[in-house]
């Protein structure tokens, strides 16, 4: 499984639009229910920094997240919304605990 984290900071006037576009991605995920993936988005305390964490089992076929129309719409102009551009880092899991699941 491949896991990546993307962090960026939007312009203050773009924060609401960024959240709206992210919401559209989650709406499409809820409708389409693509298999073999996990996706979370966090807004940091400053209200303008975002962290996306995506895990996907589909390496040869490509990440199902990036195939979604809503994600393509989100990504199309993300750089114009940003004050600090997206930085991507691949992560390797070491362990996890979740008593909420």
N, C-alpha and C. Protein backbone atom coordinates (compact mmCIF):
# COMPACT_ATOMS: atom_id res chain seq x y z
N UNK A 1 0.84 -1.18 0.00
CA UNK A 1 0.00 0.00 0.00
C UNK A 1 0.89 1.24 0.00
N UNK A 2 0.56 2.18 -0.83
CA UNK A 2 1.30 3.44 -0.93
C UNK A 2 0.53 4.52 -0.18
N UNK A 3 1.22 5.23 0.71
CA UNK A 3 0.61 6.32 1.46
C UNK A 3 1.39 7.59 1.21
N UNK A 4 0.67 8.66 0.88
CA UNK A 4 1.30 9.96 0.68
C UNK A 4 0.60 11.00 1.53
N UNK A 5 1.38 12.01 1.92
CA UNK A 5 0.87 13.15 2.64
C UNK A 5 1.16 14.39 1.80
N UNK A 6 0.18 15.26 1.65
CA UNK A 6 0.37 16.51 0.92
C UNK A 6 -0.01 17.64 1.85
N UNK A 7 0.90 18.61 1.97
CA UNK A 7 0.67 19.76 2.86
C UNK A 7 0.83 21.03 2.05
N UNK A 8 -0.06 22.01 2.30
CA UNK A 8 0.01 23.29 1.61
C UNK A 8 -0.74 24.34 2.42
N UNK A 9 -0.53 25.59 2.03
CA UNK A 9 -1.18 26.71 2.72
C UNK A 9 -1.87 27.57 1.66
N UNK A 10 -3.17 27.80 1.84
CA UNK A 10 -3.90 28.62 0.87
C UNK A 10 -3.91 30.08 1.31
N UNK A 11 -4.23 30.94 0.37
CA UNK A 11 -4.43 32.35 0.69
C UNK A 11 -5.69 32.45 1.55
N UNK A 12 -5.71 33.36 2.52
CA UNK A 12 -6.89 33.46 3.40
C UNK A 12 -8.21 33.58 2.64
N UNK A 13 -8.21 34.32 1.54
CA UNK A 13 -9.44 34.50 0.77
C UNK A 13 -9.83 33.25 -0.02
N UNK A 14 -8.96 32.25 -0.07
CA UNK A 14 -9.24 31.01 -0.80
C UNK A 14 -9.60 29.84 0.11
N UNK A 15 -9.55 30.03 1.42
CA UNK A 15 -9.78 28.92 2.35
C UNK A 15 -11.18 28.31 2.20
N UNK A 16 -12.21 29.14 2.12
CA UNK A 16 -13.58 28.62 2.00
C UNK A 16 -13.77 27.86 0.69
N UNK A 17 -13.23 28.38 -0.40
CA UNK A 17 -13.34 27.69 -1.69
C UNK A 17 -12.59 26.36 -1.66
N UNK A 18 -11.44 26.35 -1.03
CA UNK A 18 -10.67 25.11 -0.91
C UNK A 18 -11.47 24.06 -0.15
N UNK A 19 -12.08 24.46 0.96
CA UNK A 19 -12.91 23.52 1.73
C UNK A 19 -14.11 23.04 0.93
N UNK A 20 -14.71 23.94 0.16
CA UNK A 20 -15.86 23.56 -0.66
C UNK A 20 -15.47 22.49 -1.68
N UNK A 21 -14.33 22.68 -2.33
CA UNK A 21 -13.86 21.72 -3.33
C UNK A 21 -13.50 20.38 -2.69
N UNK A 22 -12.91 20.43 -1.51
CA UNK A 22 -12.60 19.19 -0.78
C UNK A 22 -13.91 18.47 -0.43
N UNK A 23 -14.90 19.22 -0.02
CA UNK A 23 -16.21 18.64 0.29
C UNK A 23 -16.80 17.92 -0.91
N UNK A 24 -16.62 18.47 -2.10
CA UNK A 24 -17.11 17.83 -3.33
C UNK A 24 -16.41 16.50 -3.57
N UNK A 25 -15.12 16.44 -3.24
CA UNK A 25 -14.37 15.18 -3.37
C UNK A 25 -14.98 14.13 -2.46
N UNK A 26 -15.26 14.51 -1.21
CA UNK A 26 -15.84 13.55 -0.27
C UNK A 26 -17.26 13.15 -0.67
N UNK A 27 -18.00 14.06 -1.27
CA UNK A 27 -19.33 13.70 -1.78
C UNK A 27 -19.23 12.64 -2.86
N UNK A 28 -18.27 12.81 -3.79
CA UNK A 28 -18.11 11.82 -4.85
C UNK A 28 -17.59 10.50 -4.29
N UNK A 29 -16.69 10.55 -3.32
CA UNK A 29 -16.21 9.32 -2.68
C UNK A 29 -17.38 8.56 -2.05
N UNK A 30 -18.27 9.28 -1.39
CA UNK A 30 -19.43 8.64 -0.75
C UNK A 30 -20.34 7.99 -1.79
N UNK A 31 -20.48 8.63 -2.95
CA UNK A 31 -21.33 8.08 -4.02
C UNK A 31 -20.67 6.89 -4.71
N UNK A 32 -19.39 7.07 -5.10
CA UNK A 32 -18.71 6.07 -5.94
C UNK A 32 -18.10 4.92 -5.15
N UNK A 33 -17.73 5.18 -3.91
CA UNK A 33 -17.13 4.17 -3.02
C UNK A 33 -16.00 3.38 -3.69
N UNK A 34 -14.95 4.07 -4.16
CA UNK A 34 -13.84 3.34 -4.77
C UNK A 34 -13.16 2.43 -3.75
N UNK A 35 -12.83 1.23 -4.18
CA UNK A 35 -12.22 0.24 -3.29
C UNK A 35 -10.72 0.45 -3.19
N UNK A 36 -10.15 -0.07 -2.12
CA UNK A 36 -8.70 -0.11 -1.97
C UNK A 36 -8.03 1.20 -1.67
N UNK A 37 -8.75 2.11 -1.03
CA UNK A 37 -8.13 3.39 -0.71
C UNK A 37 -8.64 3.94 0.61
N UNK A 38 -7.85 4.84 1.18
CA UNK A 38 -8.20 5.57 2.39
C UNK A 38 -7.78 7.02 2.15
N UNK A 39 -8.62 7.97 2.60
CA UNK A 39 -8.33 9.38 2.34
C UNK A 39 -8.84 10.22 3.50
N UNK A 40 -8.01 11.09 3.99
CA UNK A 40 -8.37 12.03 5.06
C UNK A 40 -7.80 13.39 4.72
N UNK A 41 -8.51 14.44 5.12
CA UNK A 41 -8.04 15.81 4.95
C UNK A 41 -8.20 16.52 6.28
N UNK A 42 -7.19 17.28 6.65
CA UNK A 42 -7.19 18.03 7.90
C UNK A 42 -6.92 19.50 7.61
N UNK A 43 -7.62 20.38 8.33
CA UNK A 43 -7.31 21.81 8.30
C UNK A 43 -6.58 22.10 9.60
N UNK A 44 -5.44 22.74 9.50
CA UNK A 44 -4.65 23.04 10.68
C UNK A 44 -5.22 24.27 11.41
N UNK A 45 -4.71 24.50 12.59
CA UNK A 45 -5.22 25.54 13.47
C UNK A 45 -5.17 26.95 12.93
N UNK A 46 -4.30 27.20 11.97
CA UNK A 46 -4.22 28.55 11.40
C UNK A 46 -5.37 28.84 10.43
N UNK A 47 -6.15 27.81 10.09
CA UNK A 47 -7.31 27.97 9.21
C UNK A 47 -7.01 28.05 7.73
N UNK A 48 -5.73 28.03 7.37
CA UNK A 48 -5.37 28.14 5.96
C UNK A 48 -4.38 27.06 5.49
N UNK A 49 -3.92 26.23 6.42
CA UNK A 49 -3.02 25.14 6.06
C UNK A 49 -3.81 23.83 6.06
N UNK A 50 -3.56 23.00 5.06
CA UNK A 50 -4.28 21.75 4.89
C UNK A 50 -3.30 20.60 4.74
N UNK A 51 -3.69 19.44 5.24
CA UNK A 51 -2.91 18.22 5.10
C UNK A 51 -3.84 17.13 4.58
N UNK A 52 -3.46 16.52 3.49
CA UNK A 52 -4.20 15.40 2.90
C UNK A 52 -3.35 14.15 3.10
N UNK A 53 -3.98 13.06 3.53
CA UNK A 53 -3.29 11.77 3.67
C UNK A 53 -4.10 10.76 2.86
N UNK A 54 -3.44 10.16 1.87
CA UNK A 54 -4.11 9.21 0.98
C UNK A 54 -3.31 7.92 0.93
N UNK A 55 -4.02 6.81 1.06
CA UNK A 55 -3.42 5.49 0.94
C UNK A 55 -4.17 4.73 -0.14
N UNK A 56 -3.41 4.02 -0.96
CA UNK A 56 -4.03 3.29 -2.06
C UNK A 56 -3.32 1.97 -2.28
N UNK A 57 -4.11 0.92 -2.51
CA UNK A 57 -3.56 -0.38 -2.85
C UNK A 57 -3.27 -0.48 -4.34
N UNK A 58 -3.94 0.32 -5.15
CA UNK A 58 -3.84 0.23 -6.61
C UNK A 58 -2.65 1.03 -7.12
N UNK A 59 -1.51 0.38 -7.23
CA UNK A 59 -0.32 1.08 -7.70
C UNK A 59 -0.20 1.04 -9.21
N UNK A 60 -0.50 -0.10 -9.82
CA UNK A 60 -0.37 -0.22 -11.27
C UNK A 60 -1.48 0.52 -12.00
N UNK A 61 -2.69 0.47 -11.46
CA UNK A 61 -3.82 1.13 -12.09
C UNK A 61 -3.86 2.62 -11.81
N UNK A 62 -3.08 3.08 -10.86
CA UNK A 62 -3.09 4.47 -10.45
C UNK A 62 -4.00 4.66 -9.25
N UNK A 63 -3.81 5.74 -8.56
CA UNK A 63 -4.59 6.06 -7.37
C UNK A 63 -6.03 6.36 -7.78
N UNK A 64 -7.02 5.64 -7.23
CA UNK A 64 -8.41 5.90 -7.60
C UNK A 64 -8.86 7.31 -7.24
N UNK A 65 -8.24 7.93 -6.26
CA UNK A 65 -8.60 9.29 -5.87
C UNK A 65 -8.38 10.25 -7.03
N UNK A 66 -7.25 10.14 -7.68
CA UNK A 66 -6.91 11.08 -8.76
C UNK A 66 -7.75 10.87 -10.01
N UNK A 67 -8.49 9.77 -10.07
CA UNK A 67 -9.38 9.51 -11.21
C UNK A 67 -10.74 10.18 -11.06
N UNK A 68 -11.07 10.63 -9.85
CA UNK A 68 -12.38 11.24 -9.60
C UNK A 68 -12.49 12.62 -10.24
N UNK A 69 -13.64 12.90 -10.86
CA UNK A 69 -13.86 14.21 -11.47
C UNK A 69 -13.77 15.33 -10.44
N UNK A 70 -14.32 15.09 -9.25
CA UNK A 70 -14.28 16.11 -8.20
C UNK A 70 -12.84 16.40 -7.76
N UNK A 71 -12.00 15.36 -7.71
CA UNK A 71 -10.60 15.59 -7.34
C UNK A 71 -9.87 16.35 -8.45
N UNK A 72 -10.18 16.01 -9.69
CA UNK A 72 -9.56 16.74 -10.81
C UNK A 72 -9.94 18.21 -10.76
N UNK A 73 -11.19 18.51 -10.41
CA UNK A 73 -11.63 19.90 -10.28
C UNK A 73 -10.90 20.59 -9.13
N UNK A 74 -10.73 19.89 -8.01
CA UNK A 74 -10.00 20.43 -6.86
C UNK A 74 -8.55 20.74 -7.26
N UNK A 75 -7.91 19.80 -7.94
CA UNK A 75 -6.49 19.93 -8.26
C UNK A 75 -6.21 20.91 -9.39
N UNK A 76 -7.21 21.18 -10.23
CA UNK A 76 -7.00 21.99 -11.43
C UNK A 76 -6.39 23.36 -11.14
N UNK A 77 -6.83 24.02 -10.09
CA UNK A 77 -6.31 25.36 -9.80
C UNK A 77 -5.80 25.51 -8.38
N UNK A 78 -5.38 24.40 -7.78
CA UNK A 78 -4.92 24.45 -6.39
C UNK A 78 -3.73 25.40 -6.23
N UNK A 79 -2.85 25.44 -7.20
CA UNK A 79 -1.66 26.30 -7.08
C UNK A 79 -2.04 27.78 -7.04
N UNK A 80 -3.12 28.15 -7.74
CA UNK A 80 -3.57 29.54 -7.72
C UNK A 80 -4.16 29.91 -6.36
N UNK A 81 -4.73 28.92 -5.65
CA UNK A 81 -5.29 29.18 -4.33
C UNK A 81 -4.22 29.24 -3.25
N UNK A 82 -3.03 28.77 -3.56
CA UNK A 82 -2.00 28.59 -2.53
C UNK A 82 -1.12 29.79 -2.29
N UNK A 83 -0.79 29.95 -1.02
CA UNK A 83 0.25 30.87 -0.59
C UNK A 83 1.57 30.10 -0.51
N UNK A 84 1.49 28.84 -0.06
CA UNK A 84 2.63 27.92 -0.06
C UNK A 84 2.19 26.71 -0.86
N UNK A 85 2.92 26.36 -1.93
CA UNK A 85 2.48 25.28 -2.82
C UNK A 85 2.49 23.91 -2.15
N UNK A 86 1.73 22.97 -2.72
CA UNK A 86 1.69 21.62 -2.18
C UNK A 86 3.06 20.95 -2.17
N UNK A 87 3.35 20.29 -1.06
CA UNK A 87 4.56 19.48 -0.91
C UNK A 87 4.09 18.07 -0.60
N UNK A 88 4.55 17.11 -1.38
CA UNK A 88 4.14 15.71 -1.22
C UNK A 88 5.26 14.90 -0.62
N UNK A 89 4.92 14.04 0.33
CA UNK A 89 5.89 13.13 0.94
C UNK A 89 5.27 11.74 1.01
N UNK A 90 6.02 10.74 0.57
CA UNK A 90 5.55 9.37 0.72
C UNK A 90 5.87 8.91 2.13
N UNK A 91 4.94 8.17 2.74
CA UNK A 91 5.12 7.73 4.12
C UNK A 91 5.03 6.21 4.18
N UNK A 92 5.80 5.63 5.08
CA UNK A 92 5.77 4.19 5.32
C UNK A 92 5.19 3.95 6.70
N UNK A 93 4.10 3.18 6.80
CA UNK A 93 3.50 2.94 8.11
C UNK A 93 4.40 2.09 9.01
N UNK A 94 4.39 2.41 10.27
CA UNK A 94 5.13 1.64 11.27
C UNK A 94 4.15 0.94 12.20
N UNK A 95 3.09 1.61 12.55
CA UNK A 95 2.07 1.04 13.41
C UNK A 95 0.89 1.97 13.49
N UNK A 96 -0.22 1.46 13.99
CA UNK A 96 -1.42 2.26 14.14
C UNK A 96 -2.27 1.71 15.28
N UNK A 97 -3.02 2.60 15.89
CA UNK A 97 -3.97 2.21 16.92
C UNK A 97 -5.20 3.06 16.72
N UNK A 98 -6.37 2.43 16.78
CA UNK A 98 -7.62 3.19 16.60
C UNK A 98 -8.70 2.54 17.45
N UNK A 99 -9.00 3.16 18.58
CA UNK A 99 -10.05 2.62 19.44
C UNK A 99 -11.43 3.14 19.03
N UNK A 100 -11.46 4.01 18.03
CA UNK A 100 -12.72 4.59 17.58
C UNK A 100 -13.37 3.79 16.46
N UNK A 101 -12.63 2.90 15.84
CA UNK A 101 -13.16 2.15 14.69
C UNK A 101 -14.12 1.07 15.13
